[in-house]
């Protein structure tokens, strides 16, 4: 995940289904995540309200059967409990905020 600066790569690794570094803040986790080309995240939900910004590549996110492409600088929001899936066609990185209620 060389896309992120060294200081961010020194953060603890996220233990999940994708590669990420994790910064924990009051009421929020911040993930610096990278996905290789061809990554597919099957339909899932989060208990958190998620806000993300693409910092490298592009990510396609599907909600309610509608897929939308997010490119560098694009922000997305997913309400807690929203079923969604994601995929990448190229190496992609993002910064994602997981807000706990």
PDB file of N, CA and C in Angstrom:
ATOM      1  N   UNK A   1       0.826  -1.185   0.000  1.00  0.00           N
ATOM      2  CA  UNK A   1       0.000   0.000   0.000  1.00  0.00           C
ATOM      3  C   UNK A   1       0.872   1.251   0.000  1.00  0.00           C
ATOM      4  N   UNK A   2       1.805   1.332  -0.925  1.00  0.00           N
ATOM      5  CA  UNK A   2       2.726   2.456  -0.949  1.00  0.00           C
ATOM      6  C   UNK A   2       2.073   3.784  -1.298  1.00  0.00           C
ATOM      7  N   UNK A   3       0.817   3.764  -1.735  1.00  0.00           N
ATOM      8  CA  UNK A   3       0.127   5.010  -2.081  1.00  0.00           C
ATOM      9  C   UNK A   3       0.051   5.967  -0.892  1.00  0.00           C
ATOM     10  N   UNK A   4      -0.035   5.421   0.317  1.00  0.00           N
ATOM     11  CA  UNK A   4      -0.175   6.261   1.501  1.00  0.00           C
ATOM     12  C   UNK A   4       1.193   6.653   2.045  1.00  0.00           C
ATOM     13  N   UNK A   5       1.306   7.850   2.632  1.00  0.00           N
ATOM     14  CA  UNK A   5       2.583   8.283   3.219  1.00  0.00           C
ATOM     15  C   UNK A   5       3.045   7.327   4.323  1.00  0.00           C
ATOM     16  N   UNK A   6       4.344   7.302   4.547  1.00  0.00           N
ATOM     17  CA  UNK A   6       4.930   6.379   5.517  1.00  0.00           C
ATOM     18  C   UNK A   6       4.306   6.510   6.896  1.00  0.00           C
ATOM     19  N   UNK A   7       4.023   7.714   7.330  1.00  0.00           N
ATOM     20  CA  UNK A   7       3.443   7.926   8.658  1.00  0.00           C
ATOM     21  C   UNK A   7       2.111   7.180   8.792  1.00  0.00           C
ATOM     22  N   UNK A   8       1.299   7.192   7.742  1.00  0.00           N
ATOM     23  CA  UNK A   8       0.029   6.466   7.776  1.00  0.00           C
ATOM     24  C   UNK A   8       0.254   4.963   7.715  1.00  0.00           C
ATOM     25  N   UNK A   9       1.266   4.526   6.974  1.00  0.00           N
ATOM     26  CA  UNK A   9       1.569   3.096   6.879  1.00  0.00           C
ATOM     27  C   UNK A   9       2.097   2.547   8.199  1.00  0.00           C
ATOM     28  N   UNK A  10       2.498   3.432   9.120  1.00  0.00           N
ATOM     29  CA  UNK A  10       2.963   3.009  10.437  1.00  0.00           C
ATOM     30  C   UNK A  10       1.810   2.763  11.415  1.00  0.00           C
ATOM     31  N   UNK A  11       0.587   3.132  11.029  1.00  0.00           N
ATOM     32  CA  UNK A  11      -0.573   2.902  11.892  1.00  0.00           C
ATOM     33  C   UNK A  11      -0.842   1.405  11.996  1.00  0.00           C
ATOM     34  N   UNK A  12      -1.601   0.986  13.025  1.00  0.00           N
ATOM     35  CA  UNK A  12      -1.932  -0.435  13.153  1.00  0.00           C
ATOM     36  C   UNK A  12      -2.694  -0.935  11.933  1.00  0.00           C
ATOM     37  N   UNK A  13      -2.457  -2.187  11.560  1.00  0.00           N
ATOM     38  CA  UNK A  13      -3.172  -2.799  10.436  1.00  0.00           C
ATOM     39  C   UNK A  13      -4.601  -3.124  10.856  1.00  0.00           C
ATOM     40  N   UNK A  14      -5.516  -2.920   9.936  1.00  0.00           N
ATOM     41  CA  UNK A  14      -6.921  -3.276  10.103  1.00  0.00           C
ATOM     42  C   UNK A  14      -7.052  -4.780   9.923  1.00  0.00           C
ATOM     43  N   UNK A  15      -7.798  -5.424  10.797  1.00  0.00           N
ATOM     44  CA  UNK A  15      -8.027  -6.866  10.679  1.00  0.00           C
ATOM     45  C   UNK A  15      -9.393  -7.079  10.049  1.00  0.00           C
ATOM     46  N   UNK A  16      -9.403  -7.202   8.720  1.00  0.00           N
ATOM     47  CA  UNK A  16     -10.660  -7.369   7.998  1.00  0.00           C
ATOM     48  C   UNK A  16     -10.422  -7.996   6.652  1.00  0.00           C
ATOM     49  N   UNK A  17     -11.419  -7.877   5.773  1.00  0.00           N
ATOM     50  CA  UNK A  17     -11.378  -8.555   4.479  1.00  0.00           C
ATOM     51  C   UNK A  17     -10.626  -7.782   3.401  1.00  0.00           C
ATOM     52  N   UNK A  18      -9.988  -6.676   3.762  1.00  0.00           N
ATOM     53  CA  UNK A  18      -9.193  -5.903   2.815  1.00  0.00           C
ATOM     54  C   UNK A  18      -8.009  -5.303   3.557  1.00  0.00           C
ATOM     55  N   UNK A  19      -7.014  -4.816   2.814  1.00  0.00           N
ATOM     56  CA  UNK A  19      -5.809  -4.232   3.415  1.00  0.00           C
ATOM     57  C   UNK A  19      -6.063  -2.779   3.784  1.00  0.00           C
ATOM     58  N   UNK A  20      -5.795  -2.440   5.040  1.00  0.00           N
ATOM     59  CA  UNK A  20      -5.990  -1.066   5.486  1.00  0.00           C
ATOM     60  C   UNK A  20      -5.166  -0.815   6.742  1.00  0.00           C
ATOM     61  N   UNK A  21      -4.890   0.463   6.971  1.00  0.00           N
ATOM     62  CA  UNK A  21      -4.309   0.927   8.222  1.00  0.00           C
ATOM     63  C   UNK A  21      -5.425   1.631   8.967  1.00  0.00           C
ATOM     64  N   UNK A  22      -5.440   1.529  10.302  1.00  0.00           N
ATOM     65  CA  UNK A  22      -6.571   2.016  11.091  1.00  0.00           C
ATOM     66  C   UNK A  22      -6.132   3.040  12.126  1.00  0.00           C
ATOM     67  N   UNK A  23      -6.845   4.155  12.143  1.00  0.00           N
ATOM     68  CA  UNK A  23      -6.668   5.197  13.142  1.00  0.00           C
ATOM     69  C   UNK A  23      -7.984   5.299  13.898  1.00  0.00           C
ATOM     70  N   UNK A  24      -7.948   5.133  15.208  1.00  0.00           N
ATOM     71  CA  UNK A  24      -9.159   5.192  16.008  1.00  0.00           C
ATOM     72  C   UNK A  24      -9.269   6.564  16.660  1.00  0.00           C
ATOM     73  N   UNK A  25     -10.436   7.180  16.495  1.00  0.00           N
ATOM     74  CA  UNK A  25     -10.718   8.475  17.107  1.00  0.00           C
ATOM     75  C   UNK A  25     -12.018   8.325  17.896  1.00  0.00           C
ATOM     76  N   UNK A  26     -12.341   9.290  18.732  1.00  0.00           N
ATOM     77  CA  UNK A  26     -13.569   9.227  19.511  1.00  0.00           C
ATOM     78  C   UNK A  26     -14.788   9.098  18.612  1.00  0.00           C
ATOM     79  N   UNK A  27     -15.494   7.972  18.670  1.00  0.00           N
ATOM     80  CA  UNK A  27     -16.711   7.772  17.906  1.00  0.00           C
ATOM     81  C   UNK A  27     -16.507   7.459  16.442  1.00  0.00           C
ATOM     82  N   UNK A  28     -15.248   7.254  16.034  1.00  0.00           N
ATOM     83  CA  UNK A  28     -14.979   7.045  14.616  1.00  0.00           C
ATOM     84  C   UNK A  28     -13.679   6.270  14.427  1.00  0.00           C
ATOM     85  N   UNK A  29     -13.681   5.343  13.486  1.00  0.00           N
ATOM     86  CA  UNK A  29     -12.443   4.723  13.015  1.00  0.00           C
ATOM     87  C   UNK A  29     -12.149   5.306  11.642  1.00  0.00           C
ATOM     88  N   UNK A  30     -10.885   5.548  11.359  1.00  0.00           N
ATOM     89  CA  UNK A  30     -10.465   6.060  10.060  1.00  0.00           C
ATOM     90  C   UNK A  30      -9.579   4.992   9.432  1.00  0.00           C
ATOM     91  N   UNK A  31      -9.963   4.538   8.242  1.00  0.00           N
ATOM     92  CA  UNK A  31      -9.216   3.490   7.545  1.00  0.00           C
ATOM     93  C   UNK A  31      -8.577   4.059   6.287  1.00  0.00           C
ATOM     94  N   UNK A  32      -7.297   3.786   6.091  1.00  0.00           N
ATOM     95  CA  UNK A  32      -6.600   4.075   4.853  1.00  0.00           C
ATOM     96  C   UNK A  32      -6.478   2.731   4.159  1.00  0.00           C
ATOM     97  N   UNK A  33      -7.338   2.489   3.170  1.00  0.00           N
ATOM     98  CA  UNK A  33      -7.481   1.160   2.578  1.00  0.00           C
ATOM     99  C   UNK A  33      -7.012   1.128   1.132  1.00  0.00           C
ATOM    100  N   UNK A  34      -6.465  -0.019   0.737  1.00  0.00           N
ATOM    101  CA  UNK A  34      -6.038  -0.245  -0.643  1.00  0.00           C
ATOM    102  C   UNK A  34      -6.603  -1.566  -1.134  1.00  0.00           C
ATOM    103  N   UNK A  35      -7.027  -1.564  -2.389  1.00  0.00           N
ATOM    104  CA  UNK A  35      -7.621  -2.731  -3.014  1.00  0.00           C
ATOM    105  C   UNK A  35      -6.930  -2.974  -4.356  1.00  0.00           C
ATOM    106  N   UNK A  36      -6.396  -4.169  -4.583  1.00  0.00           N
ATOM    107  CA  UNK A  36      -5.800  -4.435  -5.890  1.00  0.00           C
ATOM    108  C   UNK A  36      -6.872  -4.511  -6.981  1.00  0.00           C
ATOM    109  N   UNK A  37      -6.455  -4.295  -8.208  1.00  0.00           N
ATOM    110  CA  UNK A  37      -7.365  -4.427  -9.345  1.00  0.00           C
ATOM    111  C   UNK A  37      -8.065  -5.780  -9.279  1.00  0.00           C
ATOM    112  N   UNK A  38      -9.355  -5.787  -9.562  1.00  0.00           N
ATOM    113  CA  UNK A  38     -10.116  -7.027  -9.554  1.00  0.00           C
ATOM    114  C   UNK A  38     -10.717  -7.395  -8.214  1.00  0.00           C
ATOM    115  N   UNK A  39     -10.564  -6.535  -7.207  1.00  0.00           N
ATOM    116  CA  UNK A  39     -11.164  -6.805  -5.890  1.00  0.00           C
ATOM    117  C   UNK A  39     -12.686  -6.764  -6.003  1.00  0.00           C
ATOM    118  N   UNK A  40     -13.325  -7.706  -5.321  1.00  0.00           N
ATOM    119  CA  UNK A  40     -14.791  -7.735  -5.225  1.00  0.00           C
ATOM    120  C   UNK A  40     -15.168  -7.908  -3.757  1.00  0.00           C
ATOM    121  N   UNK A  41     -15.940  -6.984  -3.244  1.00  0.00           N
ATOM    122  CA  UNK A  41     -16.486  -7.079  -1.893  1.00  0.00           C
ATOM    123  C   UNK A  41     -17.967  -7.415  -2.050  1.00  0.00           C
ATOM    124  N   UNK A  42     -18.332  -8.607  -1.638  1.00  0.00           N
ATOM    125  CA  UNK A  42     -19.716  -9.059  -1.786  1.00  0.00           C
ATOM    126  C   UNK A  42     -20.652  -8.187  -0.946  1.00  0.00           C
ATOM    127  N   UNK A  43     -21.944  -8.294  -1.214  1.00  0.00           N
ATOM    128  CA  UNK A  43     -22.931  -7.488  -0.505  1.00  0.00           C
ATOM    129  C   UNK A  43     -22.798  -7.701   1.002  1.00  0.00           C
ATOM    130  N   UNK A  44     -22.729  -6.585   1.725  1.00  0.00           N
ATOM    131  CA  UNK A  44     -22.567  -6.607   3.179  1.00  0.00           C
ATOM    132  C   UNK A  44     -23.124  -5.309   3.752  1.00  0.00           C
ATOM    133  N   UNK A  45     -23.174  -5.227   5.066  1.00  0.00           N
ATOM    134  CA  UNK A  45     -23.616  -4.012   5.753  1.00  0.00           C
ATOM    135  C   UNK A  45     -22.593  -3.662   6.829  1.00  0.00           C
ATOM    136  N   UNK A  46     -22.716  -2.450   7.345  1.00  0.00           N
ATOM    137  CA  UNK A  46     -21.900  -1.995   8.465  1.00  0.00           C
ATOM    138  C   UNK A  46     -22.825  -1.475   9.561  1.00  0.00           C
ATOM    139  N   UNK A  47     -22.398  -1.580  10.789  1.00  0.00           N
ATOM    140  CA  UNK A  47     -23.137  -0.986  11.906  1.00  0.00           C
ATOM    141  C   UNK A  47     -22.835   0.507  12.008  1.00  0.00           C
ATOM    142  N   UNK A  48     -21.913   0.977  11.185  1.00  0.00           N
ATOM    143  CA  UNK A  48     -21.452   2.361  11.225  1.00  0.00           C
ATOM    144  C   UNK A  48     -21.979   3.143  10.034  1.00  0.00           C
ATOM    145  N   UNK A  49     -21.989   4.483  10.174  1.00  0.00           N
ATOM    146  CA  UNK A  49     -22.269   5.392   9.065  1.00  0.00           C
ATOM    147  C   UNK A  49     -20.928   5.646   8.391  1.00  0.00           C
ATOM    148  N   UNK A  50     -20.790   5.268   7.133  1.00  0.00           N
ATOM    149  CA  UNK A  50     -19.494   5.328   6.460  1.00  0.00           C
ATOM    150  C   UNK A  50     -19.438   6.469   5.450  1.00  0.00           C
ATOM    151  N   UNK A  51     -18.326   7.188   5.489  1.00  0.00           N
ATOM    152  CA  UNK A  51     -18.041   8.255   4.537  1.00  0.00           C
ATOM    153  C   UNK A  51     -16.644   7.986   4.008  1.00  0.00           C
ATOM    154  N   UNK A  52     -16.477   7.997   2.683  1.00  0.00           N
ATOM    155  CA  UNK A  52     -15.169   7.711   2.116  1.00  0.00           C
ATOM    156  C   UNK A  52     -14.823   8.637   0.976  1.00  0.00           C
ATOM    157  N   UNK A  53     -13.513   8.750   0.712  1.00  0.00           N
ATOM    158  CA  UNK A  53     -13.021   9.514  -0.433  1.00  0.00           C
ATOM    159  C   UNK A  53     -11.969   8.670  -1.148  1.00  0.00           C
ATOM    160  N   UNK A  54     -12.072   8.598  -2.463  1.00  0.00           N
ATOM    161  CA  UNK A  54     -11.132   7.832  -3.271  1.00  0.00           C
ATOM    162  C   UNK A  54      -9.870   8.668  -3.464  1.00  0.00           C
ATOM    163  N   UNK A  55      -8.707   8.057  -3.194  1.00  0.00           N
ATOM    164  CA  UNK A  55      -7.432   8.773  -3.317  1.00  0.00           C
ATOM    165  C   UNK A  55      -6.555   8.220  -4.435  1.00  0.00           C
ATOM    166  N   UNK A  56      -6.936   7.070  -5.000  1.00  0.00           N
ATOM    167  CA  UNK A  56      -6.192   6.457  -6.096  1.00  0.00           C
ATOM    168  C   UNK A  56      -7.142   5.525  -6.829  1.00  0.00           C
ATOM    169  N   UNK A  57      -7.096   5.505  -8.151  1.00  0.00           N
ATOM    170  CA  UNK A  57      -7.914   4.572  -8.922  1.00  0.00           C
ATOM    171  C   UNK A  57      -9.383   4.942  -8.922  1.00  0.00           C
ATOM    172  N   UNK A  58     -10.234   3.936  -8.868  1.00  0.00           N
ATOM    173  CA  UNK A  58     -11.688   4.135  -8.887  1.00  0.00           C
ATOM    174  C   UNK A  58     -12.356   2.925  -8.243  1.00  0.00           C
ATOM    175  N   UNK A  59     -13.530   3.160  -7.651  1.00  0.00           N
ATOM    176  CA  UNK A  59     -14.291   2.087  -7.020  1.00  0.00           C
ATOM    177  C   UNK A  59     -15.738   2.183  -7.478  1.00  0.00           C
ATOM    178  N   UNK A  60     -16.305   1.030  -7.820  1.00  0.00           N
ATOM    179  CA  UNK A  60     -17.710   0.948  -8.165  1.00  0.00           C
ATOM    180  C   UNK A  60     -18.443   0.408  -6.939  1.00  0.00           C
ATOM    181  N   UNK A  61     -19.439   1.169  -6.473  1.00  0.00           N
ATOM    182  CA  UNK A  61     -20.223   0.772  -5.312  1.00  0.00           C
ATOM    183  C   UNK A  61     -21.666   0.593  -5.760  1.00  0.00           C
ATOM    184  N   UNK A  62     -22.252  -0.551  -5.394  1.00  0.00           N
ATOM    185  CA  UNK A  62     -23.636  -0.856  -5.749  1.00  0.00           C
ATOM    186  C   UNK A  62     -24.515  -0.800  -4.511  1.00  0.00           C
ATOM    187  N   UNK A  63     -25.625  -0.070  -4.630  1.00  0.00           N
ATOM    188  CA  UNK A  63     -26.641   0.013  -3.588  1.00  0.00           C
ATOM    189  C   UNK A  63     -27.996  -0.155  -4.270  1.00  0.00           C
ATOM    190  N   UNK A  64     -28.820  -1.045  -3.753  1.00  0.00           N
ATOM    191  CA  UNK A  64     -30.155  -1.296  -4.319  1.00  0.00           C
ATOM    192  C   UNK A  64     -30.084  -1.610  -5.813  1.00  0.00           C
ATOM    193  N   UNK A  65     -29.068  -2.358  -6.237  1.00  0.00           N
ATOM    194  CA  UNK A  65     -28.940  -2.755  -7.630  1.00  0.00           C
ATOM    195  C   UNK A  65     -28.424  -1.686  -8.567  1.00  0.00           C
ATOM    196  N   UNK A  66     -28.133  -0.502  -8.039  1.00  0.00           N
ATOM    197  CA  UNK A  66     -27.604   0.596  -8.863  1.00  0.00           C
ATOM    198  C   UNK A  66     -26.124   0.786  -8.559  1.00  0.00           C
ATOM    199  N   UNK A  67     -25.288   0.675  -9.591  1.00  0.00           N
ATOM    200  CA  UNK A  67     -23.842   0.827  -9.419  1.00  0.00           C
ATOM    201  C   UNK A  67     -23.419   2.235  -9.808  1.00  0.00           C
ATOM    202  N   UNK A  68     -22.553   2.810  -8.973  1.00  0.00           N
ATOM    203  CA  UNK A  68     -22.014   4.142  -9.247  1.00  0.00           C
ATOM    204  C   UNK A  68     -20.494   4.087  -9.160  1.00  0.00           C
ATOM    205  N   UNK A  69     -19.820   4.779 -10.074  1.00  0.00           N
ATOM    206  CA  UNK A  69     -18.356   4.823 -10.119  1.00  0.00           C
ATOM    207  C   UNK A  69     -17.865   6.053  -9.349  1.00  0.00           C
ATOM    208  N   UNK A  70     -16.928   5.816  -8.429  1.00  0.00           N
ATOM    209  CA  UNK A  70     -16.299   6.887  -7.656  1.00  0.00           C
ATOM    210  C   UNK A  70     -14.827   6.947  -8.038  1.00  0.00           C
ATOM    211  N   UNK A  71     -14.372   8.135  -8.433  1.00  0.00           N
ATOM    212  CA  UNK A  71     -12.993   8.328  -8.876  1.00  0.00           C
ATOM    213  C   UNK A  71     -12.247   9.212  -7.886  1.00  0.00           C
ATOM    214  N   UNK A  72     -10.985   9.459  -8.157  1.00  0.00           N
ATOM    215  CA  UNK A  72     -10.138  10.259  -7.257  1.00  0.00           C
ATOM    216  C   UNK A  72     -10.839  11.566  -6.889  1.00  0.00           C
ATOM    217  N   UNK A  73     -10.934  11.803  -5.588  1.00  0.00           N
ATOM    218  CA  UNK A  73     -11.556  13.021  -5.078  1.00  0.00           C
ATOM    219  C   UNK A  73     -13.048  12.906  -4.833  1.00  0.00           C
ATOM    220  N   UNK A  74     -13.671  11.831  -5.318  1.00  0.00           N
ATOM    221  CA  UNK A  74     -15.109  11.646  -5.093  1.00  0.00           C
ATOM    222  C   UNK A  74     -15.353  11.106  -3.689  1.00  0.00           C
ATOM    223  N   UNK A  75     -16.373  11.654  -3.038  1.00  0.00           N
ATOM    224  CA  UNK A  75     -16.804  11.213  -1.715  1.00  0.00           C
ATOM    225  C   UNK A  75     -18.071  10.375  -1.850  1.00  0.00           C
ATOM    226  N   UNK A  76     -18.237   9.407  -0.978  1.00  0.00           N
ATOM    227  CA  UNK A  76     -19.489   8.656  -0.912  1.00  0.00           C
ATOM    228  C   UNK A  76     -19.910   8.550   0.544  1.00  0.00           C
ATOM    229  N   UNK A  77     -21.199   8.286   0.751  1.00  0.00           N
ATOM    230  CA  UNK A  77     -21.753   8.096   2.092  1.00  0.00           C
ATOM    231  C   UNK A  77     -22.663   6.877   2.073  1.00  0.00           C
ATOM    232  N   UNK A  78     -22.587   6.069   3.118  1.00  0.00           N
ATOM    233  CA  UNK A  78     -23.450   4.895   3.270  1.00  0.00           C
ATOM    234  C   UNK A  78     -24.014   4.896   4.687  1.00  0.00           C
ATOM    235  N   UNK A  79     -25.319   4.982   4.784  1.00  0.00           N
ATOM    236  CA  UNK A  79     -25.961   4.956   6.094  1.00  0.00           C
ATOM    237  C   UNK A  79     -25.752   3.591   6.745  1.00  0.00           C
ATOM    238  N   UNK A  80     -25.729   3.560   8.056  1.00  0.00           N
ATOM    239  CA  UNK A  80     -25.589   2.301   8.790  1.00  0.00           C
ATOM    240  C   UNK A  80     -26.685   1.339   8.336  1.00  0.00           C
ATOM    241  N   UNK A  81     -26.297   0.072   8.146  1.00  0.00           N
ATOM    242  CA  UNK A  81     -27.246  -0.960   7.770  1.00  0.00           C
ATOM    243  C   UNK A  81     -27.577  -1.025   6.286  1.00  0.00           C
ATOM    244  N   UNK A  82     -26.976  -0.169   5.461  1.00  0.00           N
ATOM    245  CA  UNK A  82     -27.256  -0.168   4.024  1.00  0.00           C
ATOM    246  C   UNK A  82     -26.536  -1.327   3.333  1.00  0.00           C
ATOM    247  N   UNK A  83     -27.262  -2.276   2.739  1.00  0.00           N
ATOM    248  CA  UNK A  83     -26.588  -3.346   1.993  1.00  0.00           C
ATOM    249  C   UNK A  83     -25.904  -2.748   0.757  1.00  0.00           C
ATOM    250  N   UNK A  84     -24.642  -3.119   0.558  1.00  0.00           N
ATOM    251  CA  UNK A  84     -23.883  -2.607  -0.584  1.00  0.00           C
ATOM    252  C   UNK A  84     -22.778  -3.587  -0.949  1.00  0.00           C
ATOM    253  N   UNK A  85     -22.294  -3.470  -2.164  1.00  0.00           N
ATOM    254  CA  UNK A  85     -21.137  -4.236  -2.622  1.00  0.00           C
ATOM    255  C   UNK A  85     -20.203  -3.255  -3.324  1.00  0.00           C
ATOM    256  N   UNK A  86     -18.963  -3.700  -3.563  1.00  0.00           N
ATOM    257  CA  UNK A  86     -17.991  -2.824  -4.216  1.00  0.00           C
ATOM    258  C   UNK A  86     -17.043  -3.665  -5.060  1.00  0.00           C
ATOM    259  N   UNK A  87     -16.464  -3.010  -6.056  1.00  0.00           N
ATOM    260  CA  UNK A  87     -15.470  -3.683  -6.881  1.00  0.00           C
ATOM    261  C   UNK A  87     -14.502  -2.646  -7.442  1.00  0.00           C
ATOM    262  N   UNK A  88     -13.325  -3.130  -7.819  1.00  0.00           N
ATOM    263  CA  UNK A  88     -12.327  -2.268  -8.447  1.00  0.00           C
ATOM    264  C   UNK A  88     -11.844  -2.915  -9.735  1.00  0.00           C
ATOM    265  N   UNK A  89     -11.562  -2.094 -10.734  1.00  0.00           N
ATOM    266  CA  UNK A  89     -11.002  -2.571 -11.993  1.00  0.00           C
ATOM    267  C   UNK A  89      -9.513  -2.254 -12.073  1.00  0.00           C
ATOM    268  N   UNK A  90      -9.045  -1.386 -11.185  1.00  0.00           N
ATOM    269  CA  UNK A  90      -7.643  -0.975 -11.135  1.00  0.00           C
ATOM    270  C   UNK A  90      -7.237  -0.858  -9.674  1.00  0.00           C
ATOM    271  N   UNK A  91      -5.929  -0.793  -9.408  1.00  0.00           N
ATOM    272  CA  UNK A  91      -5.483  -0.589  -8.031  1.00  0.00           C
ATOM    273  C   UNK A  91      -6.137   0.676  -7.499  1.00  0.00           C
ATOM    274  N   UNK A  92      -6.756   0.559  -6.331  1.00  0.00           N
ATOM    275  CA  UNK A  92      -7.562   1.651  -5.779  1.00  0.00           C
ATOM    276  C   UNK A  92      -7.265   1.821  -4.298  1.00  0.00           C
ATOM    277  N   UNK A  93      -7.255   3.076  -3.846  1.00  0.00           N
ATOM    278  CA  UNK A  93      -7.091   3.384  -2.421  1.00  0.00           C
ATOM    279  C   UNK A  93      -8.142   4.407  -2.019  1.00  0.00           C
ATOM    280  N   UNK A  94      -8.448   4.392  -0.733  1.00  0.00           N
ATOM    281  CA  UNK A  94      -9.427   5.338  -0.202  1.00  0.00           C
ATOM    282  C   UNK A  94      -9.125   5.632   1.257  1.00  0.00           C
ATOM    283  N   UNK A  95      -9.678   6.711   1.735  1.00  0.00           N
ATOM    284  CA  UNK A  95      -9.724   7.002   3.162  1.00  0.00           C
ATOM    285  C   UNK A  95     -11.198   6.908   3.537  1.00  0.00           C
ATOM    286  N   UNK A  96     -11.501   6.064   4.516  1.00  0.00           N
ATOM    287  CA  UNK A  96     -12.890   5.812   4.884  1.00  0.00           C
ATOM    288  C   UNK A  96     -13.078   6.066   6.380  1.00  0.00           C
ATOM    289  N   UNK A  97     -14.126   6.781   6.716  1.00  0.00           N
ATOM    290  CA  UNK A  97     -14.472   7.111   8.093  1.00  0.00           C
ATOM    291  C   UNK A  97     -15.674   6.268   8.503  1.00  0.00           C
ATOM    292  N   UNK A  98     -15.526   5.496   9.577  1.00  0.00           N
ATOM    293  CA  UNK A  98     -16.615   4.663  10.100  1.00  0.00           C
ATOM    294  C   UNK A  98     -17.109   5.318  11.391  1.00  0.00           C
ATOM    295  N   UNK A  99     -18.256   6.011  11.330  1.00  0.00           N
ATOM    296  CA  UNK A  99     -18.808   6.720  12.480  1.00  0.00           C
ATOM    297  C   UNK A  99     -19.734   5.798  13.258  1.00  0.00           C
ATOM    298  N   UNK A 100     -19.459   5.644  14.564  1.00  0.00           N
ATOM    299  CA  UNK A 100     -20.280   4.828  15.446  1.00  0.00           C
ATOM    300  C   UNK A 100     -21.356   5.687  16.083  1.00  0.00           C
ATOM    301  N   UNK A 101     -22.542   5.100  16.264  1.00  0.00           N
ATOM    302  CA  UNK A 101     -23.646   5.824  16.920  1.00  0.00           C
ATOM    303  C   UNK A 101     -23.709   5.461  18.364  1.00  0.00           C
TER     304      UNK A 101
END
